[in-house]
Amino acid sequence: MKSIMLVCSAGMSTSLLVTKMKTASNEMNLEVEIFAVAEVDAKNHYDKANIVLLGPQVRFLKDKIEKEVKEYSIPVLVIDSISYGMMDGKKVLESALNSLKLKN
């Protein structure tokens, strides 16, 4: 099962997006674990993630987090601000899954 970790400044603004992504994954009959964490707690969860998605408001953390996850070979993506703003869980989920396919 793939695991997608969303990171934002407090871990709360992504909660609704996680719910929407879970709904989309259920509709697509996918077994995917999706969870959100605050940036300060992210490093405690890298070992559980196959991909890290950053909320647009923390895009400045991309280089830092890429260095932190290097040993895990985890891709780090910034969520498209339009998809994020519209809380388009399906589009964000598809983007994450496509990145994982390219990685493997």
N, C-alpha and C. Protein backbone atom coordinates (compact mmCIF):
# COMPACT_ATOMS: atom_id res chain seq x y z
N MET A 1 0.84 -1.18 0.00
CA MET A 1 0.00 0.00 0.00
C MET A 1 0.89 1.24 0.00
N LYS A 2 0.56 2.19 -0.86
CA LYS A 2 1.29 3.45 -0.93
C LYS A 2 0.83 4.38 0.18
N SER A 3 1.75 5.21 0.64
CA SER A 3 1.46 6.15 1.71
C SER A 3 1.86 7.55 1.27
N ILE A 4 0.91 8.48 1.36
CA ILE A 4 1.12 9.86 0.93
C ILE A 4 1.04 10.77 2.15
N MET A 5 2.11 11.51 2.36
CA MET A 5 2.16 12.44 3.50
C MET A 5 2.06 13.87 2.99
N LEU A 6 1.11 14.62 3.54
CA LEU A 6 0.97 16.03 3.22
C LEU A 6 1.57 16.83 4.37
N VAL A 7 2.28 17.88 4.04
CA VAL A 7 2.92 18.72 5.04
C VAL A 7 2.46 20.16 4.85
N CYS A 8 2.06 20.78 5.96
CA CYS A 8 1.76 22.21 5.93
C CYS A 8 2.32 22.82 7.22
N SER A 9 2.11 24.09 7.41
CA SER A 9 2.73 24.75 8.55
C SER A 9 2.24 24.21 9.89
N ALA A 10 0.95 23.93 10.01
CA ALA A 10 0.43 23.42 11.28
C ALA A 10 -0.22 22.05 11.16
N GLY A 11 -0.31 21.53 9.95
CA GLY A 11 -0.93 20.23 9.75
C GLY A 11 -2.45 20.28 9.71
N MET A 12 -3.00 21.48 9.78
CA MET A 12 -4.46 21.60 9.84
C MET A 12 -5.07 22.02 8.52
N SER A 13 -4.39 22.88 7.78
CA SER A 13 -4.99 23.36 6.53
C SER A 13 -5.08 22.25 5.49
N THR A 14 -4.28 21.21 5.66
CA THR A 14 -4.34 20.10 4.71
C THR A 14 -5.36 19.03 5.12
N SER A 15 -5.94 19.14 6.29
CA SER A 15 -6.87 18.11 6.77
C SER A 15 -8.06 17.91 5.83
N LEU A 16 -8.65 18.99 5.36
CA LEU A 16 -9.77 18.87 4.43
C LEU A 16 -9.31 18.23 3.13
N LEU A 17 -8.13 18.61 2.66
CA LEU A 17 -7.61 18.02 1.43
C LEU A 17 -7.37 16.52 1.60
N VAL A 18 -6.88 16.10 2.75
CA VAL A 18 -6.69 14.68 3.03
C VAL A 18 -8.03 13.95 2.93
N THR A 19 -9.07 14.53 3.51
CA THR A 19 -10.40 13.93 3.45
C THR A 19 -10.86 13.78 2.00
N LYS A 20 -10.67 14.82 1.22
CA LYS A 20 -11.07 14.79 -0.20
C LYS A 20 -10.24 13.75 -0.98
N MET A 21 -8.96 13.64 -0.65
CA MET A 21 -8.11 12.66 -1.32
C MET A 21 -8.54 11.23 -0.95
N LYS A 22 -8.89 11.03 0.30
CA LYS A 22 -9.36 9.71 0.74
C LYS A 22 -10.66 9.34 0.04
N THR A 23 -11.55 10.31 -0.11
CA THR A 23 -12.81 10.07 -0.83
C THR A 23 -12.50 9.67 -2.27
N ALA A 24 -11.60 10.38 -2.91
CA ALA A 24 -11.22 10.07 -4.30
C ALA A 24 -10.59 8.69 -4.39
N SER A 25 -9.74 8.34 -3.43
CA SER A 25 -9.09 7.02 -3.49
C SER A 25 -10.12 5.91 -3.31
N ASN A 26 -11.13 6.13 -2.46
CA ASN A 26 -12.20 5.15 -2.29
C ASN A 26 -13.00 4.98 -3.58
N GLU A 27 -13.30 6.11 -4.23
CA GLU A 27 -14.05 6.06 -5.49
C GLU A 27 -13.27 5.36 -6.59
N MET A 28 -11.93 5.41 -6.50
CA MET A 28 -11.07 4.78 -7.51
C MET A 28 -10.67 3.36 -7.08
N ASN A 29 -11.22 2.91 -5.95
CA ASN A 29 -10.90 1.58 -5.41
C ASN A 29 -9.40 1.38 -5.19
N LEU A 30 -8.76 2.39 -4.63
CA LEU A 30 -7.33 2.33 -4.35
C LEU A 30 -7.10 2.18 -2.85
N GLU A 31 -6.11 1.39 -2.51
CA GLU A 31 -5.69 1.30 -1.12
C GLU A 31 -4.48 2.21 -0.95
N VAL A 32 -4.72 3.38 -0.39
CA VAL A 32 -3.67 4.37 -0.20
C VAL A 32 -3.84 4.97 1.18
N GLU A 33 -2.75 5.07 1.91
CA GLU A 33 -2.79 5.76 3.19
C GLU A 33 -2.44 7.22 2.92
N ILE A 34 -3.25 8.12 3.42
CA ILE A 34 -3.04 9.55 3.22
C ILE A 34 -3.15 10.22 4.57
N PHE A 35 -2.13 11.00 4.93
CA PHE A 35 -2.16 11.68 6.22
C PHE A 35 -1.43 13.02 6.15
N ALA A 36 -1.77 13.89 7.08
CA ALA A 36 -1.17 15.23 7.12
C ALA A 36 -0.43 15.43 8.44
N VAL A 37 0.66 16.14 8.35
CA VAL A 37 1.44 16.48 9.54
C VAL A 37 1.91 17.93 9.44
N ALA A 38 2.23 18.48 10.60
CA ALA A 38 2.82 19.81 10.65
C ALA A 38 4.28 19.71 10.23
N GLU A 39 4.80 20.77 9.67
CA GLU A 39 6.18 20.79 9.21
C GLU A 39 7.17 20.41 10.31
N VAL A 40 6.92 20.85 11.53
CA VAL A 40 7.85 20.56 12.62
C VAL A 40 7.87 19.08 13.00
N ASP A 41 6.84 18.35 12.64
CA ASP A 41 6.73 16.92 12.97
C ASP A 41 7.03 16.02 11.78
N ALA A 42 7.24 16.59 10.61
CA ALA A 42 7.38 15.81 9.38
C ALA A 42 8.50 14.78 9.46
N LYS A 43 9.64 15.18 10.01
CA LYS A 43 10.80 14.28 10.02
C LYS A 43 10.54 12.99 10.79
N ASN A 44 9.53 12.99 11.66
CA ASN A 44 9.19 11.79 12.43
C ASN A 44 8.34 10.80 11.63
N HIS A 45 7.99 11.16 10.40
CA HIS A 45 7.09 10.33 9.61
C HIS A 45 7.63 9.94 8.23
N TYR A 46 8.83 10.36 7.90
CA TYR A 46 9.38 10.05 6.58
C TYR A 46 9.44 8.55 6.32
N ASP A 47 9.72 7.79 7.37
CA ASP A 47 9.84 6.34 7.19
C ASP A 47 8.52 5.66 6.86
N LYS A 48 7.41 6.39 7.01
CA LYS A 48 6.09 5.84 6.72
C LYS A 48 5.56 6.28 5.36
N ALA A 49 6.28 7.18 4.69
CA ALA A 49 5.75 7.79 3.46
C ALA A 49 6.47 7.29 2.21
N ASN A 50 5.71 7.22 1.12
CA ASN A 50 6.28 6.93 -0.19
C ASN A 50 6.48 8.21 -0.99
N ILE A 51 5.77 9.26 -0.57
CA ILE A 51 5.87 10.56 -1.24
C ILE A 51 5.45 11.63 -0.23
N VAL A 52 6.06 12.80 -0.36
CA VAL A 52 5.72 13.94 0.50
C VAL A 52 5.16 15.05 -0.39
N LEU A 53 3.98 15.53 -0.03
CA LEU A 53 3.36 16.65 -0.73
C LEU A 53 3.36 17.86 0.18
N LEU A 54 3.86 18.97 -0.31
CA LEU A 54 3.91 20.20 0.47
C LEU A 54 2.76 21.11 0.08
N GLY A 55 2.11 21.66 1.08
CA GLY A 55 1.11 22.68 0.82
C GLY A 55 1.79 23.89 0.19
N PRO A 56 1.09 24.61 -0.69
CA PRO A 56 1.71 25.75 -1.37
C PRO A 56 2.31 26.78 -0.41
N GLN A 57 1.71 26.90 0.78
CA GLN A 57 2.18 27.90 1.75
C GLN A 57 3.53 27.54 2.36
N VAL A 58 3.98 26.28 2.20
CA VAL A 58 5.29 25.87 2.72
C VAL A 58 6.23 25.41 1.60
N ARG A 59 5.98 25.87 0.40
CA ARG A 59 6.82 25.48 -0.75
C ARG A 59 8.29 25.82 -0.53
N PHE A 60 8.54 26.84 0.30
CA PHE A 60 9.92 27.24 0.58
C PHE A 60 10.71 26.15 1.33
N LEU A 61 10.03 25.14 1.85
CA LEU A 61 10.68 24.05 2.57
C LEU A 61 11.14 22.91 1.66
N LYS A 62 10.85 23.01 0.39
CA LYS A 62 11.11 21.88 -0.53
C LYS A 62 12.57 21.42 -0.50
N ASP A 63 13.52 22.33 -0.63
CA ASP A 63 14.93 21.95 -0.64
C ASP A 63 15.33 21.29 0.68
N LYS A 64 14.89 21.87 1.78
CA LYS A 64 15.21 21.34 3.11
C LYS A 64 14.67 19.92 3.27
N ILE A 65 13.42 19.71 2.90
CA ILE A 65 12.80 18.40 3.07
C ILE A 65 13.40 17.38 2.10
N GLU A 66 13.74 17.82 0.89
CA GLU A 66 14.40 16.90 -0.05
C GLU A 66 15.71 16.37 0.53
N LYS A 67 16.45 17.22 1.21
CA LYS A 67 17.69 16.77 1.85
C LYS A 67 17.39 15.80 2.99
N GLU A 68 16.35 16.08 3.75
CA GLU A 68 15.99 15.23 4.89
C GLU A 68 15.51 13.84 4.45
N VAL A 69 14.85 13.74 3.30
CA VAL A 69 14.30 12.45 2.85
C VAL A 69 15.23 11.71 1.89
N LYS A 70 16.40 12.28 1.63
CA LYS A 70 17.30 11.68 0.65
C LYS A 70 17.57 10.20 0.94
N GLU A 71 17.79 9.86 2.19
CA GLU A 71 18.09 8.46 2.54
C GLU A 71 16.91 7.52 2.28
N TYR A 72 15.70 8.08 2.21
CA TYR A 72 14.51 7.27 1.97
C TYR A 72 14.12 7.22 0.49
N SER A 73 14.78 8.02 -0.34
CA SER A 73 14.46 8.12 -1.77
C SER A 73 12.98 8.44 -2.01
N ILE A 74 12.50 9.42 -1.29
CA ILE A 74 11.09 9.82 -1.38
C ILE A 74 10.98 11.09 -2.23
N PRO A 75 10.10 11.09 -3.24
CA PRO A 75 9.89 12.33 -3.97
C PRO A 75 9.16 13.36 -3.11
N VAL A 76 9.49 14.62 -3.34
CA VAL A 76 8.85 15.74 -2.63
C VAL A 76 8.25 16.65 -3.69
N LEU A 77 6.95 16.87 -3.61
CA LEU A 77 6.26 17.73 -4.57
C LEU A 77 5.54 18.86 -3.84
N VAL A 78 5.43 19.99 -4.52
CA VAL A 78 4.59 21.08 -4.02
C VAL A 78 3.23 20.93 -4.68
N ILE A 79 2.19 20.93 -3.87
CA ILE A 79 0.84 20.80 -4.41
C ILE A 79 0.50 22.05 -5.22
N ASP A 80 -0.03 21.83 -6.41
CA ASP A 80 -0.47 22.91 -7.27
C ASP A 80 -1.43 23.82 -6.50
N SER A 81 -1.16 25.12 -6.50
CA SER A 81 -1.95 26.05 -5.69
C SER A 81 -3.42 26.11 -6.10
N ILE A 82 -3.70 25.92 -7.39
CA ILE A 82 -5.10 25.93 -7.82
C ILE A 82 -5.83 24.70 -7.30
N SER A 83 -5.20 23.54 -7.45
CA SER A 83 -5.81 22.30 -6.94
C SER A 83 -5.98 22.38 -5.42
N TYR A 84 -4.98 22.96 -4.76
CA TYR A 84 -5.05 23.11 -3.30
C TYR A 84 -6.18 24.06 -2.91
N GLY A 85 -6.24 25.19 -3.57
CA GLY A 85 -7.27 26.18 -3.27
C GLY A 85 -8.68 25.67 -3.51
N MET A 86 -8.82 24.83 -4.54
CA MET A 86 -10.13 24.26 -4.85
C MET A 86 -10.40 22.97 -4.07
N MET A 87 -9.38 22.54 -3.28
CA MET A 87 -9.48 21.29 -2.52
C MET A 87 -9.86 20.14 -3.44
N ASP A 88 -9.18 20.07 -4.59
CA ASP A 88 -9.43 19.04 -5.58
C ASP A 88 -8.62 17.79 -5.21
N GLY A 89 -9.19 17.00 -4.31
CA GLY A 89 -8.51 15.81 -3.81
C GLY A 89 -8.15 14.82 -4.89
N LYS A 90 -9.02 14.66 -5.87
CA LYS A 90 -8.76 13.70 -6.95
C LYS A 90 -7.54 14.13 -7.76
N LYS A 91 -7.46 15.39 -8.12
CA LYS A 91 -6.34 15.87 -8.93
C LYS A 91 -5.02 15.77 -8.16
N VAL A 92 -5.04 16.11 -6.88
CA VAL A 92 -3.82 16.02 -6.06
C VAL A 92 -3.40 14.56 -5.91
N LEU A 93 -4.36 13.68 -5.68
CA LEU A 93 -4.08 12.25 -5.56
C LEU A 93 -3.47 11.70 -6.86
N GLU A 94 -4.08 12.04 -7.98
CA GLU A 94 -3.58 11.57 -9.28
C GLU A 94 -2.16 12.07 -9.54
N SER A 95 -1.89 13.31 -9.17
CA SER A 95 -0.55 13.87 -9.34
C SER A 95 0.47 13.09 -8.51
N ALA A 96 0.11 12.79 -7.27
CA ALA A 96 1.02 12.03 -6.40
C ALA A 96 1.26 10.63 -6.95
N LEU A 97 0.19 9.97 -7.38
CA LEU A 97 0.33 8.61 -7.90
C LEU A 97 1.13 8.59 -9.18
N ASN A 98 0.96 9.58 -10.04
CA ASN A 98 1.74 9.67 -11.28
C ASN A 98 3.22 9.85 -10.97
N SER A 99 3.54 10.65 -9.97
CA SER A 99 4.94 10.85 -9.57
C SER A 99 5.54 9.56 -9.04
N LEU A 100 4.75 8.80 -8.30
CA LEU A 100 5.24 7.52 -7.79
C LEU A 100 5.48 6.53 -8.92
N LYS A 101 4.64 6.55 -9.95
CA LYS A 101 4.82 5.66 -11.10
C LYS A 101 6.11 6.02 -11.85
N LEU A 102 6.38 7.30 -11.98
CA LEU A 102 7.59 7.75 -12.67
C LEU A 102 8.83 7.35 -11.89
N LYS A 103 8.71 7.35 -10.57
CA LYS A 103 9.84 7.01 -9.70
C LYS A 103 10.18 5.53 -9.82
N ASN A 104 9.14 4.69 -9.90
CA ASN A 104 9.36 3.24 -9.89
C ASN A 104 9.59 2.67 -11.25
